[in-house]
Protein backbone atom coordinates (compact mmCIF):
# COMPACT_ATOMS: atom_id res chain seq x y z
CA MET A 1 81.26 89.10 142.52
CA GLY A 2 82.24 92.46 141.03
CA GLU A 3 85.76 93.82 140.80
CA GLY A 4 85.04 96.35 143.55
CA THR A 5 83.37 93.89 145.90
CA ILE A 6 84.47 94.26 149.51
CA ILE A 7 85.48 90.95 151.04
CA GLY A 8 83.89 90.29 154.44
CA PRO A 9 83.46 87.48 156.97
CA ASP A 10 80.35 86.19 155.18
CA THR A 11 81.97 85.93 151.72
CA PRO A 12 81.93 82.31 150.44
CA VAL A 13 85.44 80.83 150.46
CA ALA A 14 84.84 78.60 147.43
CA GLU A 15 83.72 81.57 145.33
CA LEU A 16 86.88 83.50 146.18
CA ALA A 17 89.15 80.53 145.46
CA ALA A 18 87.43 79.89 142.12
CA ARG A 19 87.62 83.53 140.98
CA TYR A 20 91.11 84.26 142.34
CA PRO A 21 93.32 81.11 142.46
CA ALA A 22 96.01 82.93 144.47
CA VAL A 23 93.58 82.99 147.42
CA ARG A 24 94.43 79.31 147.81
CA VAL A 25 97.89 80.41 148.91
CA VAL A 26 96.34 82.18 151.90
CA LEU A 27 94.13 79.19 152.72
CA SER A 28 97.17 76.90 152.67
CA ARG A 29 98.67 78.89 155.54
CA TYR A 30 95.90 77.53 157.73
CA GLY A 31 95.81 73.86 156.84
CA PHE A 32 94.00 73.79 153.51
CA GLY A 33 95.63 70.63 152.14
CA SER A 34 96.82 69.66 148.68
CA TYR A 35 95.49 72.03 146.06
CA GLU A 36 95.06 69.30 143.48
CA ASP A 37 93.40 66.75 145.77
CA GLU A 38 91.06 68.96 147.80
CA GLU A 39 88.14 71.12 146.74
CA PRO A 40 87.93 74.66 148.20
CA PRO A 41 86.17 74.47 151.58
CA ALA A 42 82.47 75.22 151.75
CA GLY A 43 81.15 77.99 153.97
CA SER A 44 82.19 81.55 154.69
CA VAL A 45 85.52 83.19 155.40
CA ALA A 46 84.50 83.57 159.05
CA GLY A 47 83.57 79.88 159.30
CA PHE A 48 86.90 78.82 157.81
CA ALA A 49 88.71 81.10 160.27
CA ARG A 50 86.77 79.86 163.33
CA GLU A 51 87.47 76.22 162.43
CA ARG A 52 91.19 77.00 162.49
CA GLY A 53 91.16 79.18 165.57
CA ILE A 54 92.18 82.46 163.90
CA PRO A 55 90.44 85.86 164.01
CA PRO A 56 88.17 86.29 160.96
CA GLU A 57 89.36 89.87 160.47
CA ARG A 58 92.95 88.63 160.13
CA LEU A 59 91.98 86.18 157.41
CA VAL A 60 89.91 88.84 155.63
CA GLY A 61 92.93 91.17 155.67
CA GLU A 62 95.26 88.56 154.22
CA ILE A 63 92.79 87.67 151.47
CA GLU A 64 92.24 91.35 150.62
CA ARG A 65 95.97 91.83 150.22
CA VAL A 66 96.16 88.96 147.73
CA LEU A 67 93.06 90.18 145.88
CA ASP A 68 94.60 93.61 145.56
CA LEU A 69 97.49 91.98 143.70
CA SER A 70 95.16 89.84 141.57
CA ARG A 71 92.81 92.65 140.54
CA ARG A 72 95.04 95.59 139.81
CA GLU A 73 98.47 97.18 139.66
CA PRO A 74 98.63 100.60 141.30
CA PRO A 75 99.52 103.28 138.73
CA PRO A 76 102.52 105.41 139.69
CA ALA A 77 102.12 109.16 140.20
CA SER A 78 105.80 110.14 140.41
CA PHE A 79 109.20 108.56 139.82
CA LEU A 80 109.58 107.47 143.45
CA ALA A 81 106.05 106.08 143.28
CA LEU A 82 107.39 103.59 140.72
CA LEU A 83 108.70 101.77 143.79
CA GLU A 84 105.13 100.49 144.16
CA THR A 85 105.83 98.32 141.14
CA HIS A 86 108.76 96.77 143.01
CA GLU A 87 106.55 96.04 146.03
CA HIS A 88 103.89 94.54 143.79
CA LEU A 89 106.32 92.20 142.03
CA ASN A 90 108.10 91.23 145.24
CA GLU A 91 104.79 90.24 146.83
CA LEU A 92 103.85 88.21 143.75
CA PHE A 93 107.15 86.34 144.00
CA LEU A 94 106.44 85.52 147.66
CA LEU A 95 103.03 84.17 146.68
CA HIS A 96 104.75 82.07 144.02
CA GLN A 97 107.08 80.65 146.67
CA GLU A 98 104.16 79.86 148.97
CA ALA A 99 102.48 77.91 146.17
CA LEU A 100 105.79 76.16 145.48
CA LEU A 101 106.11 75.25 149.16
CA ALA A 102 102.64 73.66 149.00
CA GLN A 103 103.77 71.78 145.85
CA ASP A 104 100.97 73.36 143.83
CA ILE A 105 103.13 73.55 140.72
CA PRO A 106 100.45 74.86 138.28
CA LEU A 107 99.64 77.78 140.59
CA ALA A 108 103.34 78.40 141.28
CA ALA A 109 103.93 78.51 137.51
CA GLU A 110 101.04 80.93 136.93
CA LEU A 111 102.30 83.30 139.64
CA LEU A 112 105.85 83.06 138.32
CA LYS A 113 104.55 83.96 134.87
CA GLN A 114 103.03 87.14 136.33
CA VAL A 115 106.32 87.96 138.06
CA SER A 116 108.30 87.36 134.87
CA GLU A 117 105.99 89.42 132.66
CA GLY A 118 105.93 92.25 135.21
CA GLN A 119 109.71 92.32 135.62
CA ARG A 120 110.32 92.23 131.86
CA GLU A 121 107.94 95.14 131.30
CA HIS A 122 109.50 97.09 134.17
CA ILE A 123 112.95 96.48 132.66
CA ARG A 124 111.75 97.57 129.21
CA VAL A 125 110.38 100.83 130.65
CA GLU A 126 113.61 101.58 132.47
CA GLU A 127 115.93 100.82 129.57
CA GLU A 128 113.87 102.37 126.75
CA ILE A 129 112.32 105.35 128.54
CA LEU A 130 114.07 106.20 131.80
CA LEU A 131 117.78 105.43 131.38
CA PRO A 132 118.20 107.69 128.29
CA VAL A 133 116.82 110.59 130.37
CA TYR A 134 118.91 109.58 133.38
CA ALA A 135 122.06 109.87 131.22
CA ARG A 136 121.66 113.66 131.24
CA ALA A 137 123.04 113.72 134.79
CA GLY A 138 126.43 112.51 133.58
CA LYS A 139 128.69 110.23 135.59
CA ILE A 140 127.28 109.28 138.98
CA PRO A 141 129.35 107.20 141.44
CA GLY A 142 127.59 103.89 142.01
CA GLY A 143 124.92 104.80 139.50
CA ASP A 144 126.38 104.02 136.09
CA PRO A 145 123.61 102.88 133.70
CA LYS A 146 125.56 99.69 133.00
CA PHE A 147 124.95 98.61 136.63
CA TYR A 148 121.18 98.66 136.09
CA ILE A 149 121.46 96.91 132.73
CA ASN A 150 123.76 94.17 134.07
CA GLU A 151 121.40 93.53 136.97
CA HIS A 152 118.47 93.39 134.57
CA ARG A 153 120.24 90.70 132.55
CA LYS A 154 120.91 88.66 135.69
CA MET A 155 117.22 88.89 136.66
CA ILE A 156 116.09 87.67 133.25
CA ARG A 157 118.53 84.74 133.31
CA ILE A 158 117.28 83.64 136.74
CA LEU A 159 113.62 83.98 135.74
CA ASP A 160 114.28 82.00 132.55
CA HIS A 161 115.84 79.27 134.67
CA PHE A 162 112.88 79.18 137.08
CA GLU A 163 110.40 79.00 134.20
CA GLU A 164 112.39 76.16 132.65
CA MET A 165 112.61 74.17 135.90
CA LEU A 166 108.98 74.35 137.08
CA PRO A 167 107.41 72.13 134.37
CA ARG A 168 110.02 69.45 135.11
CA LEU A 169 108.77 69.19 138.69
CA MET A 170 105.50 67.74 137.41
CA ASP A 171 107.36 64.59 136.33
CA GLU A 172 109.20 64.11 139.61
CA GLY A 173 108.22 61.71 142.39
CA PRO A 174 107.21 63.21 145.78
CA GLY A 175 110.63 62.73 147.36
CA THR A 176 112.57 64.10 144.42
CA MET A 177 110.12 66.99 144.03
CA ARG A 178 110.77 68.09 147.60
CA ARG A 179 114.51 68.17 146.90
CA ARG A 180 113.97 70.19 143.71
CA VAL A 181 111.71 72.63 145.57
CA ILE A 182 114.44 73.15 148.17
CA GLU A 183 116.92 73.86 145.37
CA LEU A 184 114.56 76.44 143.86
CA PHE A 185 114.14 78.10 147.25
CA ASP A 186 117.92 78.33 147.60
CA GLU A 187 118.13 79.98 144.18
CA GLY A 188 115.14 82.17 145.05
CA TYR A 189 117.07 83.54 148.03
CA TRP A 190 119.81 84.90 145.74
CA PHE A 191 117.20 86.25 143.32
CA LYS A 192 115.56 88.21 146.15
CA ARG A 193 118.95 89.51 147.29
CA LEU A 194 119.60 90.74 143.76
CA LEU A 195 116.18 92.43 143.66
CA GLU A 196 116.78 94.06 147.04
CA HIS A 197 120.14 95.47 145.93
CA HIS A 198 118.68 96.65 142.61
CA ASP A 199 115.63 98.26 144.23
CA GLU A 200 117.82 100.13 146.73
CA ARG A 201 119.97 101.50 143.90
CA GLU A 202 116.88 102.76 142.09
CA GLU A 203 115.34 104.25 145.22
CA SER A 204 118.49 106.07 146.32
CA ILE A 205 119.93 107.07 142.92
CA LEU A 206 117.89 106.45 139.75
CA TYR A 207 114.52 107.92 140.70
CA PRO A 208 115.81 110.94 142.68
CA VAL A 209 118.18 111.83 139.82
CA LEU A 210 115.35 111.56 137.30
CA ASP A 211 113.38 114.02 139.44
CA GLN A 212 116.33 116.43 139.29
CA VAL A 213 116.94 116.31 135.53
CA THR A 214 113.30 116.64 134.41
CA THR A 215 110.73 119.39 134.54
CA GLU A 216 107.32 118.78 136.09
CA GLU A 217 105.70 118.70 132.66
CA GLU A 218 108.26 116.23 131.31
CA ARG A 219 107.88 114.09 134.42
CA ARG A 220 104.14 113.77 133.85
CA GLU A 221 104.70 112.88 130.20
CA LEU A 222 107.34 110.24 131.02
CA LEU A 223 105.20 108.66 133.71
CA GLU A 224 102.30 108.37 131.29
CA ARG A 225 104.61 106.49 128.92
CA CYS A 226 105.73 104.24 131.78
CA LEU A 227 102.14 103.16 132.30
């Protein structure tokens, strides 16, 4: 199956699950049991959908959305287009939580690793490339660079905590694991609130100001460095 392959109703489910493990998150929404104890179902996407009483086109759409995350990250074309990176990372974190809910800890850990690496790179780009340019605008109410930096540090601390806790779940019994998963979901709620607040600040202040203090040529050059 090539990178540009279009997923359709006749695509084998097992092939998708083997090539893109995150597809198992979608399957779990429709009764695909324990990831560790059950092999990917045989047959096509349409067959899997019919067995569970859902429209095949709906399942195809959900799988395509996950594959889009697994296969690529959309390159930004302007400062406001960098918001696509936020959407990408937020969706990855939701997939991580779905895997966590299904108690597929290895998959949850792999997805969390992608979230953590993506967030750390996004933070590096902002602090090393964008914030020094943003400083040209001077003092901006509600947009002091220290706000972004402080929020970045909070994000890293939370992600470090999640990455530390996940391997410990492997040693827990089923009852205790469920309690630990609930605790991680509670902490995940505050992490998502922090991301939401941070993303709104960037969308309403950081990126528009960067557009104002840069020329078109400089903008293109900076965005190339952000990639």
